[in-house]
Structure formats: structure tokens, C-alpha cells
Protein backbone atom coordinates (compact mmCIF):
# COMPACT_ATOMS: atom_id res chain seq x y z
CA MET A 1 88.22 98.73 108.95
CA ALA A 2 85.65 101.27 107.74
CA GLU A 3 85.08 102.47 111.31
CA LEU A 4 88.83 103.05 111.76
CA ARG A 5 88.95 105.08 108.53
CA TRP A 6 86.13 107.30 109.81
CA GLU A 7 87.79 107.77 113.19
CA SER A 8 91.08 108.83 111.57
CA GLY A 9 89.32 111.41 109.37
CA GLU A 10 90.45 109.74 106.11
CA GLN A 11 86.98 108.71 104.98
CA ALA A 12 85.55 112.19 105.49
CA LEU A 13 88.50 113.68 103.60
CA LEU A 14 87.99 111.25 100.73
CA LEU A 15 84.33 112.19 100.34
CA GLU A 16 85.19 115.89 100.48
CA LEU A 17 87.90 115.58 97.81
CA ALA A 18 85.67 113.33 95.69
CA LYS A 19 83.37 116.28 95.01
CA ASP A 20 86.04 117.84 92.76
CA ALA A 21 87.26 114.60 91.16
CA GLU A 22 86.24 112.56 88.13
CA ILE A 23 88.32 109.42 88.64
CA PHE A 24 89.46 107.67 91.80
CA ILE A 25 92.52 105.40 91.66
CA ASP A 26 92.76 103.16 94.72
CA ILE A 27 96.30 101.77 94.98
CA GLY A 28 96.39 99.11 97.67
CA ALA A 29 92.61 98.77 97.60
CA ASN A 30 92.55 95.89 100.11
CA CYS A 31 88.92 94.76 100.55
CA GLY A 32 87.61 97.99 99.01
CA VAL A 33 86.67 100.41 101.80
CA PHE A 34 87.78 103.46 99.78
CA THR A 35 86.79 101.93 96.44
CA LEU A 36 83.22 101.40 97.62
CA ALA A 37 82.98 104.90 99.12
CA ALA A 38 84.27 106.54 95.94
CA ARG A 39 81.98 104.49 93.70
CA GLN A 40 79.03 105.35 95.95
CA ALA A 41 80.01 109.03 95.54
CA GLY A 42 79.68 108.67 91.76
CA LEU A 43 83.31 108.53 90.65
CA LYS A 44 84.79 106.24 88.04
CA VAL A 45 87.01 103.90 90.06
CA VAL A 46 90.15 101.91 89.31
CA ALA A 47 91.13 99.57 92.16
CA VAL A 48 94.65 98.10 92.31
CA GLU A 49 95.22 95.14 94.65
CA PRO A 50 97.82 92.36 94.27
CA ASN A 51 97.07 90.21 97.33
CA ALA A 52 94.87 87.21 96.52
CA GLU A 53 92.91 87.21 99.81
CA ASN A 54 92.23 90.94 99.66
CA LEU A 55 91.30 90.70 95.98
CA LYS A 56 88.75 87.98 96.72
CA ALA A 57 87.10 90.19 99.36
CA LEU A 58 87.18 93.22 97.05
CA LEU A 59 85.49 91.36 94.22
CA PHE A 60 82.89 89.95 96.61
CA ASN A 61 82.07 93.44 97.90
CA LEU A 62 81.70 94.81 94.36
CA GLN A 63 79.44 91.93 93.38
CA ARG A 64 77.26 92.34 96.47
CA ASN A 65 76.75 95.98 95.49
CA ASN A 66 76.04 95.05 91.85
CA TRP A 67 78.82 97.39 90.68
CA THR A 68 80.12 96.01 87.40
CA ASP A 69 81.77 99.25 86.27
CA VAL A 70 84.69 99.30 88.75
CA GLU A 71 87.97 98.43 87.03
CA VAL A 72 90.12 96.04 89.09
CA LEU A 73 93.82 95.52 88.40
CA PRO A 74 95.25 92.46 90.27
CA ILE A 75 98.83 93.74 90.29
CA ALA A 76 101.27 95.63 92.51
CA LEU A 77 102.63 99.08 91.69
CA ALA A 78 106.22 100.19 92.15
CA GLU A 79 108.92 102.10 90.27
CA GLY A 80 108.78 100.05 87.08
CA ILE A 81 107.80 96.79 85.41
CA GLY A 82 108.70 93.39 86.81
CA VAL A 83 107.84 90.45 89.03
CA LEU A 84 108.48 90.85 92.77
CA PRO A 85 107.78 88.95 95.99
CA LEU A 86 104.81 90.20 98.00
CA PHE A 87 105.56 89.52 101.67
CA GLY A 88 102.89 88.74 104.23
CA GLY A 89 99.16 88.66 103.66
CA ARG A 90 95.84 90.42 103.96
CA GLN A 91 96.07 93.96 105.38
CA GLY A 92 99.84 93.72 105.98
CA ALA A 93 100.92 92.48 102.53
CA SER A 94 103.93 94.50 101.32
CA LEU A 95 106.65 94.56 98.69
CA THR A 96 109.01 95.78 101.42
CA ARG A 97 110.97 92.89 102.92
CA GLY A 98 110.57 92.69 106.70
CA TRP A 99 107.92 95.42 106.87
CA GLY A 100 105.85 95.08 110.01
CA GLY A 101 107.98 92.17 111.18
CA VAL A 102 106.69 89.82 108.48
CA ALA A 103 109.07 86.92 107.87
CA SER A 104 110.87 87.21 104.54
CA ASN A 105 110.12 83.57 103.69
CA TYR A 106 106.36 84.23 103.72
CA SER A 107 105.84 85.56 100.21
CA ARG A 108 104.38 84.99 96.75
CA LEU A 109 105.36 86.45 93.39
CA VAL A 110 103.17 89.16 91.86
CA PRO A 111 103.29 91.13 88.59
CA VAL A 112 104.37 94.76 88.97
CA ASN A 113 103.85 97.90 86.90
CA CYS A 114 104.04 101.66 87.57
CA ILE A 115 101.55 104.51 87.71
CA ASP A 116 102.99 106.31 84.69
CA ASN A 117 102.63 103.28 82.39
CA LEU A 118 99.04 102.71 83.43
CA PHE A 119 97.58 106.19 83.77
CA SER A 120 99.71 109.09 82.47
CA ASP A 121 98.33 109.05 78.90
CA ARG A 122 95.01 107.41 79.60
CA PHE A 123 93.75 109.98 82.11
CA SER A 124 95.40 113.14 80.81
CA GLY A 125 93.08 116.11 81.32
CA LYS A 126 90.98 114.30 83.95
CA ARG A 127 90.59 115.33 87.58
CA LEU A 128 92.27 112.47 89.46
CA LEU A 129 92.06 111.54 93.12
CA ILE A 130 94.71 108.93 93.95
CA LYS A 131 94.96 107.04 97.23
CA ILE A 132 98.07 105.01 98.06
CA ASP A 133 98.24 102.55 100.95
CA VAL A 134 100.98 100.04 100.13
CA GLU A 135 102.46 99.17 103.52
CA GLY A 136 105.88 100.82 103.38
CA ASN A 137 106.42 100.83 99.61
CA GLU A 138 104.88 104.23 98.86
CA TYR A 139 108.18 105.89 97.90
CA ASP A 140 108.75 103.40 95.07
CA VAL A 141 105.17 103.89 93.88
CA ILE A 142 105.60 107.68 93.73
CA THR A 143 108.98 107.31 92.01
CA GLY A 144 107.11 105.58 89.20
CA ALA A 145 104.60 108.42 88.91
CA SER A 146 106.71 111.36 87.69
CA ARG A 147 104.57 111.99 84.58
CA VAL A 148 101.26 111.65 86.41
CA MET A 149 102.45 114.11 89.06
CA LYS A 150 102.91 116.72 86.29
CA LEU A 151 99.45 116.29 84.75
CA THR A 152 97.08 119.23 84.39
CA PRO A 153 94.83 119.40 86.26
CA ALA A 154 97.12 118.13 89.00
CA PRO A 155 96.00 114.94 90.76
CA VAL A 156 95.19 115.07 94.44
CA TRP A 157 96.92 112.35 96.46
CA ILE A 158 96.05 110.66 99.77
CA LEU A 159 98.95 108.61 101.16
CA GLU A 160 99.75 106.47 104.13
CA HIS A 161 103.43 107.23 104.80
CA GLY A 162 104.84 105.88 108.04
CA PHE A 163 107.62 107.53 110.03
CA ASP A 164 108.84 104.72 112.29
CA GLU A 165 105.72 102.54 112.35
CA ASN A 166 106.50 98.97 111.24
CA PHE A 167 110.14 99.75 110.43
CA GLY A 168 111.63 97.73 113.26
CA GLY A 169 112.45 100.70 115.49
CA THR A 170 114.17 102.73 112.76
CA ILE A 171 112.94 105.71 110.74
CA ASN A 172 111.52 105.06 107.30
CA PRO A 173 114.62 105.49 105.07
CA HIS A 174 112.56 107.33 102.44
CA PHE A 175 110.44 109.43 104.79
CA ARG A 176 111.84 112.84 103.80
CA GLU A 177 112.47 111.86 100.17
CA LEU A 178 108.80 111.25 99.44
CA PHE A 179 107.84 114.73 100.61
CA GLU A 180 110.66 116.18 98.52
CA LEU A 181 109.34 114.46 95.39
CA PHE A 182 106.04 116.27 95.83
CA TRP A 183 107.49 119.62 96.88
CA THR A 184 109.83 119.78 93.87
CA LYS A 185 106.74 119.48 91.64
CA GLY A 186 104.86 122.28 93.35
CA TYR A 187 102.61 120.30 95.67
CA ARG A 188 101.56 121.31 99.16
CA CYS A 189 101.10 118.78 101.96
CA PHE A 190 98.52 118.53 104.74
CA THR A 191 97.70 115.95 107.40
CA ALA A 192 94.89 113.67 106.22
CA ASP A 193 92.83 113.99 109.38
CA ASP A 194 90.26 116.35 110.82
CA ALA A 195 92.92 119.03 111.48
CA ARG A 196 94.18 119.22 107.85
CA GLN A 197 97.34 120.85 109.21
CA PRO A 198 99.94 122.04 106.68
CA VAL A 199 103.16 120.02 106.68
CA LEU A 200 106.18 122.15 105.76
CA GLU A 201 109.75 121.23 104.90
CA SER A 202 110.85 122.60 108.28
CA ASP A 203 108.41 120.23 110.00
CA VAL A 204 109.75 117.16 108.23
CA ASN A 205 113.36 118.20 108.87
CA ARG A 206 112.57 118.68 112.56
CA TRP A 207 110.87 115.29 112.83
CA VAL A 208 113.80 113.51 111.23
CA ALA A 209 116.36 115.38 113.37
CA ASN A 210 114.42 114.69 116.58
CA ARG A 211 113.39 111.19 115.45
CA LYS A 212 109.83 112.03 116.43
CA ARG A 213 106.73 113.63 114.88
CA ASP A 214 105.12 116.35 116.96
CA PHE A 215 101.77 116.49 115.11
CA GLY A 216 99.76 114.38 112.71
CA TYR A 217 100.08 110.66 112.12
CA ILE A 218 100.79 108.44 109.10
CA ASN A 219 98.28 109.86 106.60
CA TYR A 220 98.82 112.90 104.38
CA PHE A 221 97.30 114.48 101.32
CA PHE A 222 99.04 116.45 98.60
CA CYS A 223 97.57 118.99 96.19
CA ARG A 224 99.03 121.50 93.75
């Protein structure tokens, strides 16, 4: 997994952005590839991971590194508070029913909260770097982050946001809406790869109209 993150350019981007950050929030931490890298870079880290198998691996990796100062939240994040089914397991676990072809009867209930409740007051005035990799549920997570998006200094965000990947041959129904949430709050978007290419509203509109991206992939970062 770590090798794939390096090949995509995400890991290098994380370490570059970490130089200007104080706190790293890893939403969808999985086994901790980004959590470990950020902690090694000297940041205070909060790791959020609801899946039991992933959580076990994350805790094991932290223990093996003797890092007792990483905060781990064993919950899912979405638009608000509740209890929701988490479908699938391990790297493909998602709150989105049917994401990646996972059968809807393969699920377990998990507690859910939102970014604003957890972090908007607590980390006000801090330089935040937030990574979100939640397997198709990123729009709901960002919807629950309206106050954090307005913080000063503005957080920097790294997101996995699929276009048609794992959506059963259709376009992500919230693909354009997520970009619009950021743009309306003054953020700029770039591809989270070695190119760091700007992503404009005209690009997203063209992709949706043509039902095809013509540059970049599923990872983006947003800064204001």
C-alpha cells in the first residue's frame, strides 16, 4: 500500500504539505500509511478509522513504532451524528451502499460523527492538514465540515474523490458538488500527483458533460 502511495505522488505531496502543518487529521486511516508518515514528520496526528480489521492493523503499527501520542478515533465520519452500516471490509469498507460492488448484506453498524463536532473548536487557530479517503462517502464528510472549512488559517485537504471508479458504471452523483463546496469557500484545487495541475470549474464541467476525465486521477488537494 505504501509503495502505491509513493507511485501516485500522494506520499510525496503529504510530506511536502506537512512542512507547513501542525496537526494531521487522517480520516479513513486504514492501517496507517499516512498516519505513520505524518507522525514520523513530527506532526500531531489524529487517526479516524471505523473498520475493526483496519483498526487492529493501525494500532499494531503504532505500537511497533512505540508511538503512544497518536490519537485514534474508532468511528466513521459523515454529515452528522448517528449509527450507520459500514459495508464491506478492510481497504474497501464504505458507508456507501453498493460501493465497489460490495454486497449490501455484508455490513456492521458503526458510530458516526462529523468533522465540525470533533475539530472546529478544538483546533481553531491551528494549521491543519486533513486527508480523507472514505471510499465514496467523501461528499457527506465534507458536508459535515462547513465550520472547519472556514477556519483561519485555512486547512489544507487531500481527498480521494472518484469520478466513475467503483460506482457501477455511473458517474459519482456528488462529483461536481464536492468541488463546488470548496470553491464557494474560496479554495483552489489541484491534482494530488506529481503534476499538481490546477483543476478549474470548466474542467469539472467538461468531465461531467463528456463523462470522462482528460487529466489527473482520483486524488486532489484543496488549499485557500
